[in-house]
């Protein structure tokens, strides 16, 4: 490619620009937001030009995950027969090493990080990239033939794949999320399925047998299929009498759940997926087990952040969908005040209220989607429900109640007020810290 256009200039867009420039391309950037390219003198800001001028002489368009396929420039580029790909696809075309790719509604970051640590522990150089926070394209030129890229792939990234073909791919689960983009659960599931769509002989897929949507993916996969299961014996990994069992060419006891620091069925699914992936890459059992025993969860995943005035505070800012929040609520021991709300994804909250843990005695909602939440509030409920305009006030209201726990688990993305769940989590930490003074 000689002349490329990047649409969107976040982490992915910057990574794509770096890779394209390294390979001699002339790169233009377009964004619907105001751009500051002062640190990128090699790039041309095309944002102020007309659409034809933006696309004139371009032989490739790279789309950032946040940019929807309905964007006018994407539709125009396709009319002009200019190839349109995502950053994930661009990185794949330059990757010399093996690729392990992980998707799912929940657990992607934990599983990606754990696989990466297993592979590195086994003496193989590995890189954790993608939706985990570091662009695939920004590092792909460093990855050697005997090394591995472990990629966390979101549905937004997987929408735009064409040839992307990981040696090992896994889907952890599919629950309602991102309807503002995909419209319904079927479209969302199909975006996730794209992680397997180009796999063939010699490739491996790992599926969560306990998730019916994910289990049914096996009918359209052409590589070898392995499963993880909590209560069923499967080819892959499963649990029997508090032991993780492996079943590849032979069946054997791998390790006790007592030695797994991540507790709960959903975490056991993540751990088993990581074990199967590492085994398929060729990592020996002892290195896998060591990585599991020493693993530390990434921040803001139902993280205990301390006790203030006799109340335990938990920061679950990473809970960007309803299913994740329900799991966090189920883990609470004792009466709990729950703080929810954020970006409006167009998701129904009917199932949320129907499946809410009885430990939740009070709910405070804040964020752009509070009215979307309220329309599904049952006429009869056994908890108080309040709304407020700020997270600071939400914490005050939660603390006024007589509870053992205050759980911040938003149920949705942070983009109404924050750049990421990390920034949102940091804000909650600061609020709690101020209560100690």
Protein backbone atom coordinates (compact mmCIF):
# COMPACT_ATOMS: atom_id res chain seq x y z
CA UNK A 1 0.00 0.00 0.00
CA UNK A 2 1.25 3.50 -0.86
CA UNK A 3 -1.48 5.86 0.30
CA UNK A 4 -3.56 4.91 3.35
CA UNK A 5 -6.34 6.64 5.25
CA UNK A 6 -7.00 5.91 8.92
CA UNK A 7 -10.47 6.73 10.23
CA UNK A 8 -10.38 7.33 13.98
CA UNK A 9 -7.25 8.09 15.97
CA UNK A 10 -7.40 6.39 19.34
CA UNK A 11 -5.07 3.60 20.50
CA UNK A 12 -5.85 1.45 17.45
CA UNK A 13 -5.56 4.29 14.96
CA UNK A 14 -2.20 5.37 16.35
CA UNK A 15 -0.93 1.78 16.22
CA UNK A 16 -2.06 1.42 12.61
CA UNK A 17 -0.34 4.70 11.69
CA UNK A 18 2.93 3.53 13.25
CA UNK A 19 2.85 0.25 11.34
CA UNK A 20 1.97 1.85 8.00
CA UNK A 21 4.67 4.50 8.34
CA UNK A 22 7.23 1.81 9.24
CA UNK A 23 6.41 0.13 5.95
CA UNK A 24 6.76 3.25 3.82
CA UNK A 25 3.14 4.29 3.36
CA UNK A 26 1.91 7.85 3.10
CA UNK A 27 -0.73 8.14 5.85
CA UNK A 28 -3.68 10.49 6.23
CA UNK A 29 -5.96 10.58 9.27
CA UNK A 30 -9.61 11.51 9.54
CA UNK A 31 -11.60 11.93 12.75
CA UNK A 32 -15.07 13.25 13.59
CA UNK A 33 -13.44 14.63 16.74
CA UNK A 34 -10.86 17.42 16.74
CA UNK A 35 -7.38 16.03 16.04
CA UNK A 36 -4.08 17.06 17.55
CA UNK A 37 -1.30 15.68 15.35
CA UNK A 38 1.46 17.88 16.72
CA UNK A 39 3.31 14.78 17.95
CA UNK A 40 2.87 13.06 14.59
CA UNK A 41 4.49 15.29 11.93
CA UNK A 42 4.54 12.44 9.37
CA UNK A 43 0.74 12.26 9.30
CA UNK A 44 -1.63 14.41 7.26
CA UNK A 45 -4.88 15.62 8.87
CA UNK A 46 -7.59 15.10 6.27
CA UNK A 47 -10.48 15.97 8.59
CA UNK A 48 -11.26 19.35 7.07
CA UNK A 49 -11.42 18.18 3.45
CA UNK A 50 -14.36 17.10 1.32
CA UNK A 51 -15.12 13.38 1.17
CA UNK A 52 -13.84 12.90 -2.39
CA UNK A 53 -10.60 14.73 -1.62
CA UNK A 54 -10.12 12.65 1.56
CA UNK A 55 -10.35 9.41 -0.40
CA UNK A 56 -8.62 10.56 -3.59
CA UNK A 57 -5.66 8.31 -4.54
CA UNK A 58 -6.12 6.11 -1.46
CA UNK A 59 -5.45 2.39 -1.89
CA UNK A 60 -6.37 1.37 1.68
CA UNK A 61 -8.70 2.54 4.43
CA UNK A 62 -8.08 1.36 8.01
CA UNK A 63 -11.02 1.75 10.39
CA UNK A 64 -10.67 2.09 14.17
CA UNK A 65 -12.97 -0.17 16.26
CA UNK A 66 -15.02 2.77 17.55
CA UNK A 67 -16.05 3.75 14.00
CA UNK A 68 -19.23 2.05 12.78
CA UNK A 69 -19.46 0.45 9.35
CA UNK A 70 -22.25 2.88 8.44
CA UNK A 71 -19.85 5.86 8.53
CA UNK A 72 -20.22 7.88 5.31
CA UNK A 73 -16.50 7.61 4.42
CA UNK A 74 -16.57 3.83 4.73
CA UNK A 75 -19.61 3.57 2.46
CA UNK A 76 -18.03 5.96 -0.03
CA UNK A 77 -14.71 4.08 0.00
CA UNK A 78 -16.51 0.85 -0.84
CA UNK A 79 -18.30 2.53 -3.74
CA UNK A 80 -14.86 3.54 -5.00
CA UNK A 81 -13.60 -0.07 -4.54
CA UNK A 82 -11.02 0.99 -1.97
CA UNK A 83 -10.28 -1.89 0.46
CA UNK A 84 -11.60 -1.18 3.96
CA UNK A 85 -10.11 -3.16 6.87
CA UNK A 86 -9.77 -2.87 10.64
CA UNK A 87 -6.62 -2.50 12.71
CA UNK A 88 -6.78 -6.17 13.73
CA UNK A 89 -6.77 -7.23 10.09
CA UNK A 90 -3.91 -4.86 9.26
CA UNK A 91 -1.77 -6.27 12.07
CA UNK A 92 -2.49 -9.84 10.97
CA UNK A 93 -1.11 -9.12 7.50
CA UNK A 94 2.27 -8.24 9.00
CA UNK A 95 2.43 -10.78 11.83
CA UNK A 96 5.18 -13.42 11.51
CA UNK A 97 4.41 -15.24 14.78
CA UNK A 98 1.53 -17.37 16.00
CA UNK A 99 -1.71 -15.71 17.04
CA UNK A 100 -3.94 -16.71 19.96
CA UNK A 101 -7.15 -14.67 19.97
CA UNK A 102 -9.74 -14.37 22.74
CA UNK A 103 -13.25 -12.92 22.59
CA UNK A 104 -16.42 -13.02 24.70
CA UNK A 105 -18.67 -10.62 26.55
CA UNK A 106 -16.90 -11.09 29.89
CA UNK A 107 -13.50 -12.35 30.99
CA UNK A 108 -11.47 -11.42 27.88
CA UNK A 109 -8.83 -9.34 29.63
CA UNK A 110 -8.32 -11.79 32.49
CA UNK A 111 -8.02 -14.73 30.10
CA UNK A 112 -5.73 -12.90 27.67
CA UNK A 113 -3.42 -11.81 30.48
CA UNK A 114 -3.36 -15.32 31.98
CA UNK A 115 -2.56 -17.01 28.65
CA UNK A 116 0.21 -14.49 28.04
CA UNK A 117 1.75 -15.20 31.45
CA UNK A 118 1.51 -18.98 30.90
CA UNK A 119 3.28 -18.80 27.55
CA UNK A 120 6.02 -16.50 28.86
CA UNK A 121 6.47 -18.76 31.90
CA UNK A 122 7.02 -21.64 29.49
CA UNK A 123 9.97 -19.88 27.87
CA UNK A 124 8.19 -18.65 24.73
CA UNK A 125 8.14 -14.89 24.14
CA UNK A 126 4.55 -13.68 24.16
CA UNK A 127 2.79 -10.30 23.82
CA UNK A 128 -0.65 -9.40 25.24
CA UNK A 129 -2.20 -7.01 22.71
CA UNK A 130 -5.46 -5.72 21.24
CA UNK A 131 -8.45 -4.64 23.28
CA UNK A 132 -6.42 -5.27 26.46
CA UNK A 133 -4.93 -1.81 25.98
CA UNK A 134 -1.95 -2.02 23.62
CA UNK A 135 -2.44 -1.94 19.87
CA UNK A 136 -1.62 -5.08 17.88
CA UNK A 137 -0.27 -2.96 15.02
CA UNK A 138 2.02 -0.93 17.28
CA UNK A 139 3.97 -4.06 18.33
CA UNK A 140 3.50 -6.48 15.44
CA UNK A 141 6.86 -5.75 13.78
CA UNK A 142 8.60 -6.89 17.00
CA UNK A 143 7.00 -10.35 16.98
CA UNK A 144 9.34 -13.04 15.69
CA UNK A 145 8.46 -16.29 13.94
CA UNK A 146 8.86 -18.33 17.13
CA UNK A 147 6.89 -15.86 19.26
CA UNK A 148 3.18 -15.46 20.06
CA UNK A 149 0.68 -12.59 19.95
CA UNK A 150 -2.13 -13.12 22.46
CA UNK A 151 -4.91 -10.83 21.30
CA UNK A 152 -8.02 -9.70 23.15
CA UNK A 153 -10.56 -9.11 20.38
CA UNK A 154 -13.79 -7.14 20.85
CA UNK A 155 -16.89 -7.49 18.70
CA UNK A 156 -16.10 -4.05 17.24
CA UNK A 157 -12.68 -5.28 16.09
CA UNK A 158 -14.03 -8.56 14.76
CA UNK A 159 -16.71 -6.89 12.63
CA UNK A 160 -14.13 -5.84 10.05
CA UNK A 161 -11.96 -8.97 9.68
CA UNK A 162 -11.39 -10.41 6.23
CA UNK A 163 -8.44 -12.86 6.38
CA UNK A 164 -7.64 -12.75 10.11
CA UNK A 165 -6.85 -16.35 11.09
CA UNK A 166 -5.58 -17.11 14.59
CA UNK A 167 -3.91 -20.46 15.20
CA UNK A 168 -5.88 -20.71 18.44
CA UNK A 169 -9.13 -18.82 19.00
CA UNK A 170 -11.55 -18.86 21.94
CA UNK A 171 -14.98 -17.49 22.78
CA UNK A 172 -15.70 -17.33 26.51
CA UNK A 173 -19.39 -16.37 26.52
CA UNK A 174 -22.02 -14.30 24.71
CA UNK A 175 -24.57 -12.31 26.71
CA UNK A 176 -26.53 -9.18 25.65
CA UNK A 177 -24.20 -6.23 25.05
CA UNK A 178 -23.55 -3.39 22.59
CA UNK A 179 -27.04 -3.36 21.06
CA UNK A 180 -26.42 0.31 20.24
CA UNK A 181 -23.96 -1.00 17.64
CA UNK A 182 -25.13 -4.50 16.71
CA UNK A 183 -28.89 -4.11 17.14
CA UNK A 184 -29.64 -7.53 18.61
CA UNK A 185 -28.07 -10.61 20.18
CA UNK A 186 -27.87 -12.48 16.86
CA UNK A 187 -25.78 -9.79 15.17
CA UNK A 188 -23.61 -9.47 18.26
CA UNK A 189 -23.01 -13.23 18.36
CA UNK A 190 -22.10 -13.30 14.67
CA UNK A 191 -19.51 -10.57 15.22
CA UNK A 192 -17.97 -12.76 17.92
CA UNK A 193 -18.08 -15.80 15.61
CA UNK A 194 -15.85 -13.95 13.13
CA UNK A 195 -12.89 -14.91 15.31
CA UNK A 196 -13.27 -18.47 13.92
CA UNK A 197 -14.50 -17.71 10.41
CA UNK A 198 -11.17 -18.17 8.60
CA UNK A 199 -9.85 -21.08 10.64
CA UNK A 200 -9.16 -24.38 8.93
CA UNK A 201 -7.08 -27.53 9.18
CA UNK A 202 -4.35 -27.16 11.79
CA UNK A 203 -6.15 -24.41 13.72
CA UNK A 204 -7.92 -24.83 17.06
CA UNK A 205 -11.09 -23.31 18.54
CA UNK A 206 -12.00 -23.28 22.25
CA UNK A 207 -15.68 -22.91 23.17
CA UNK A 208 -17.56 -22.56 26.45
CA UNK A 209 -19.79 -25.67 26.43
CA UNK A 210 -22.02 -24.21 29.18
CA UNK A 211 -23.04 -21.24 27.01
CA UNK A 212 -25.61 -22.48 24.47
CA UNK A 213 -24.90 -19.70 21.96
CA UNK A 214 -21.17 -20.35 22.07
CA UNK A 215 -21.54 -24.15 22.03
CA UNK A 216 -23.52 -23.93 18.79
CA UNK A 217 -20.62 -22.12 17.10
CA UNK A 218 -18.99 -25.54 16.65
CA UNK A 219 -21.28 -26.30 13.68
CA UNK A 220 -19.56 -23.60 11.60
CA UNK A 221 -15.93 -24.16 12.64
CA UNK A 222 -13.53 -26.05 10.36
CA UNK A 223 -10.56 -26.38 12.72
CA UNK A 224 -10.26 -28.66 15.75
CA UNK A 225 -12.82 -27.80 18.45
CA UNK A 226 -12.16 -28.05 22.20
CA UNK A 227 -14.58 -27.20 24.99
CA UNK A 228 -14.50 -26.01 28.59
CA UNK A 229 -17.29 -27.07 30.97
CA UNK A 230 -18.18 -26.86 34.64
CA UNK A 231 -20.44 -29.92 34.86
CA UNK A 232 -20.03 -31.91 31.64
CA UNK A 233 -17.22 -34.17 30.49
CA UNK A 234 -15.90 -32.70 27.25
CA UNK A 235 -12.93 -32.80 24.90
CA UNK A 236 -10.72 -30.09 26.39
CA UNK A 237 -11.09 -29.14 30.07
CA UNK A 238 -13.82 -29.72 32.64
CA UNK A 239 -14.37 -29.88 36.40
CA UNK A 240 -14.93 -33.11 38.29
CA UNK A 241 -15.06 -33.27 42.11
CA UNK A 242 -13.29 -29.92 42.57
CA UNK A 243 -10.52 -30.88 40.14
CA UNK A 244 -9.74 -29.47 36.71
CA UNK A 245 -9.56 -32.42 34.33
CA UNK A 246 -7.93 -32.32 30.89
CA UNK A 247 -9.13 -34.51 28.07
CA UNK A 248 -7.03 -34.34 24.91
CA UNK A 249 -5.51 -37.56 23.60
CA UNK A 250 -5.72 -38.87 27.15
CA UNK A 251 -7.72 -37.86 30.21
CA UNK A 252 -6.04 -36.84 33.47
CA UNK A 253 -6.35 -34.67 36.57
CA UNK A 254 -4.60 -31.36 35.97
CA UNK A 255 -4.94 -29.43 39.25
CA UNK A 256 -7.18 -28.85 42.25
CA UNK A 257 -9.54 -25.86 42.39
CA UNK A 258 -8.04 -25.18 45.83
CA UNK A 259 -4.89 -24.03 44.00
CA UNK A 260 -6.76 -21.66 41.68
CA UNK A 261 -6.82 -18.11 43.16
CA UNK A 262 -9.66 -17.00 40.84
CA UNK A 263 -12.89 -18.29 42.37
CA UNK A 264 -16.37 -18.80 40.90
CA UNK A 265 -17.64 -20.75 37.90
CA UNK A 266 -17.10 -17.85 35.49
CA UNK A 267 -13.47 -17.54 36.60
CA UNK A 268 -12.98 -21.31 36.34
CA UNK A 269 -14.17 -21.05 32.72
CA UNK A 270 -11.56 -18.36 32.07
CA UNK A 271 -8.82 -20.43 33.70
CA UNK A 272 -9.75 -23.59 31.77
CA UNK A 273 -9.79 -21.67 28.48
CA UNK A 274 -6.31 -20.34 29.26
CA UNK A 275 -5.06 -23.84 30.14
CA UNK A 276 -6.34 -25.33 26.87
CA UNK A 277 -4.88 -22.45 24.84
CA UNK A 278 -1.46 -22.75 26.49
CA UNK A 279 -1.45 -26.52 26.04
CA UNK A 280 -2.21 -26.09 22.32
CA UNK A 281 0.75 -23.71 22.03
CA UNK A 282 2.95 -26.36 23.63
CA UNK A 283 3.49 -25.02 27.17
CA UNK A 284 4.28 -27.71 29.75
CA UNK A 285 1.89 -28.36 32.64
CA UNK A 286 4.21 -27.18 35.41
CA UNK A 287 4.62 -23.73 33.85
CA UNK A 288 0.85 -23.39 33.32
CA UNK A 289 0.14 -24.33 36.94
CA UNK A 290 2.80 -21.93 38.23
CA UNK A 291 1.30 -19.06 36.20
CA UNK A 292 -2.18 -19.80 37.58
CA UNK A 293 -1.02 -19.92 41.20
CA UNK A 294 0.85 -16.61 40.86
CA UNK A 295 -1.80 -14.78 38.82
CA UNK A 296 -3.08 -11.40 39.97
CA UNK A 297 -6.38 -10.11 38.60
CA UNK A 298 -6.25 -6.89 36.55
CA UNK A 299 -7.67 -3.88 38.38
CA UNK A 300 -11.32 -2.84 38.68
CA UNK A 301 -12.80 -6.32 38.44
CA UNK A 302 -14.86 -6.53 41.62
CA UNK A 303 -11.76 -5.25 43.40
CA UNK A 304 -11.90 -4.81 47.17
CA UNK A 305 -10.53 -1.32 47.84
CA UNK A 306 -10.95 -1.06 51.59
CA UNK A 307 -13.20 -0.45 54.56
CA UNK A 308 -14.49 2.98 55.53
CA UNK A 309 -16.54 3.42 58.72
CA UNK A 310 -17.27 -0.30 58.82
CA UNK A 311 -18.40 -0.55 55.18
CA UNK A 312 -16.50 -2.60 52.58
CA UNK A 313 -16.08 -0.89 49.19
CA UNK A 314 -15.74 -2.81 45.92
CA UNK A 315 -14.69 -1.24 42.60
CA UNK A 316 -16.08 -3.19 39.64
CA UNK A 317 -15.72 -0.44 37.04
CA UNK A 318 -14.86 -3.09 34.41
CA UNK A 319 -18.48 -4.33 34.63
CA UNK A 320 -19.49 -2.90 31.27
CA UNK A 321 -22.52 -5.17 30.80
CA UNK A 322 -25.42 -6.51 32.85
CA UNK A 323 -24.18 -10.10 33.13
CA UNK A 324 -20.92 -8.98 34.70
CA UNK A 325 -22.74 -6.90 37.33
CA UNK A 326 -25.10 -9.75 38.21
CA UNK A 327 -22.08 -11.98 38.85
CA UNK A 328 -20.48 -9.33 41.06
CA UNK A 329 -23.72 -8.96 43.05
CA UNK A 330 -23.90 -12.74 43.54
CA UNK A 331 -20.41 -12.65 45.06
CA UNK A 332 -21.40 -10.17 47.80
CA UNK A 333 -21.77 -11.49 51.34
CA UNK A 334 -24.13 -9.32 53.39
CA UNK A 335 -26.45 -6.41 52.64
CA UNK A 336 -25.21 -4.35 49.71
CA UNK A 337 -25.75 -0.91 48.19
CA UNK A 338 -25.22 -1.11 44.43
CA UNK A 339 -24.19 1.84 42.24
CA UNK A 340 -24.97 1.42 38.52
CA UNK A 341 -25.30 3.45 35.33
CA UNK A 342 -23.30 5.02 32.51
CA UNK A 343 -23.37 5.02 28.71
CA UNK A 344 -26.73 4.08 27.15
CA UNK A 345 -26.24 0.93 25.02
CA UNK A 346 -29.95 0.40 24.35
CA UNK A 347 -29.99 -2.77 26.47
CA UNK A 348 -33.11 -3.97 28.28
CA UNK A 349 -32.79 -4.05 32.08
CA UNK A 350 -35.76 -6.38 32.54
CA UNK A 351 -33.48 -9.41 32.98
CA UNK A 352 -31.24 -7.44 35.31
CA UNK A 353 -33.97 -6.76 37.84
CA UNK A 354 -35.42 -10.25 37.47
CA UNK A 355 -32.08 -11.90 38.36
CA UNK A 356 -30.73 -9.47 40.93
CA UNK A 357 -29.17 -11.05 44.04
CA UNK A 358 -31.23 -10.68 47.24
CA UNK A 359 -28.11 -9.29 48.92
CA UNK A 360 -28.77 -6.00 47.06
CA UNK A 361 -30.90 -3.82 49.37
CA UNK A 362 -30.35 -0.43 47.73
CA UNK A 363 -29.65 0.75 44.16
CA UNK A 364 -28.34 4.15 43.13
CA UNK A 365 -28.28 4.93 39.39
CA UNK A 366 -26.20 7.67 37.80
CA UNK A 367 -25.15 8.34 34.20
CA UNK A 368 -26.74 8.88 30.82
CA UNK A 369 -28.81 5.67 30.90
CA UNK A 370 -30.68 6.23 34.18
CA UNK A 371 -34.05 6.63 32.42
CA UNK A 372 -33.43 3.53 30.30
CA UNK A 373 -32.86 1.68 33.58
CA UNK A 374 -35.92 3.16 35.30
CA UNK A 375 -38.36 2.05 32.61
CA UNK A 376 -37.67 -1.58 33.57
CA UNK A 377 -37.86 -1.05 37.34
CA UNK A 378 -40.47 -3.50 38.68
CA UNK A 379 -43.58 -1.99 40.27
CA UNK A 380 -42.84 -4.07 43.37
CA UNK A 381 -39.27 -4.47 44.54
CA UNK A 382 -37.52 -5.26 47.80
CA UNK A 383 -34.83 -2.56 47.55
CA UNK A 384 -34.76 1.21 47.50
CA UNK A 385 -34.00 2.87 44.14
CA UNK A 386 -32.61 6.38 43.70
CA UNK A 387 -31.13 8.40 40.85
CA UNK A 388 -28.55 11.16 40.98
CA UNK A 389 -26.46 13.24 38.62
CA UNK A 390 -22.96 12.45 39.88
CA UNK A 391 -20.87 9.54 41.10
CA UNK A 392 -19.88 11.54 44.19
CA UNK A 393 -23.52 11.94 45.20
CA UNK A 394 -24.21 8.28 44.36
CA UNK A 395 -21.56 7.21 46.87
CA UNK A 396 -23.04 9.56 49.50
CA UNK A 397 -26.51 8.07 49.00
CA UNK A 398 -25.16 4.51 49.11
CA UNK A 399 -23.25 5.26 52.31
CA UNK A 400 -26.34 6.67 54.04
CA UNK A 401 -27.79 3.16 54.08
CA UNK A 402 -27.04 0.60 56.76
CA UNK A 403 -25.12 -1.99 54.71
CA UNK A 404 -22.04 -4.16 54.87
CA UNK A 405 -20.91 -3.49 51.26
CA UNK A 406 -20.99 -0.74 48.66
CA UNK A 407 -20.47 -2.16 45.18
CA UNK A 408 -19.75 0.08 42.19
CA UNK A 409 -20.63 -2.11 39.21
CA UNK A 410 -21.99 0.08 36.40
CA UNK A 411 -23.58 -2.55 34.04
CA UNK A 412 -22.46 -0.54 31.01
CA UNK A 413 -19.62 1.32 29.31
CA UNK A 414 -18.03 4.50 30.63
CA UNK A 415 -18.20 6.67 27.51
CA UNK A 416 -20.92 9.01 28.76
CA UNK A 417 -18.43 10.72 31.09
CA UNK A 418 -15.07 8.93 30.92
CA UNK A 419 -12.55 7.87 28.30
CA UNK A 420 -12.41 4.30 29.67
CA UNK A 421 -13.46 2.03 32.53
CA UNK A 422 -9.98 2.65 34.02
CA UNK A 423 -10.57 6.41 34.29
CA UNK A 424 -14.01 5.69 35.77
CA UNK A 425 -12.48 3.25 38.26
CA UNK A 426 -9.83 5.77 39.26
CA UNK A 427 -12.55 8.35 39.90
CA UNK A 428 -14.41 5.94 42.20
CA UNK A 429 -11.15 5.18 44.04
CA UNK A 430 -10.60 8.91 44.61
CA UNK A 431 -14.12 9.36 45.97
CA UNK A 432 -13.69 6.50 48.44
CA UNK A 433 -10.25 7.78 49.46
CA UNK A 434 -11.76 11.20 50.22
CA UNK A 435 -14.15 9.54 52.68
CA UNK A 436 -11.17 8.49 54.82
CA UNK A 437 -10.09 12.07 55.47
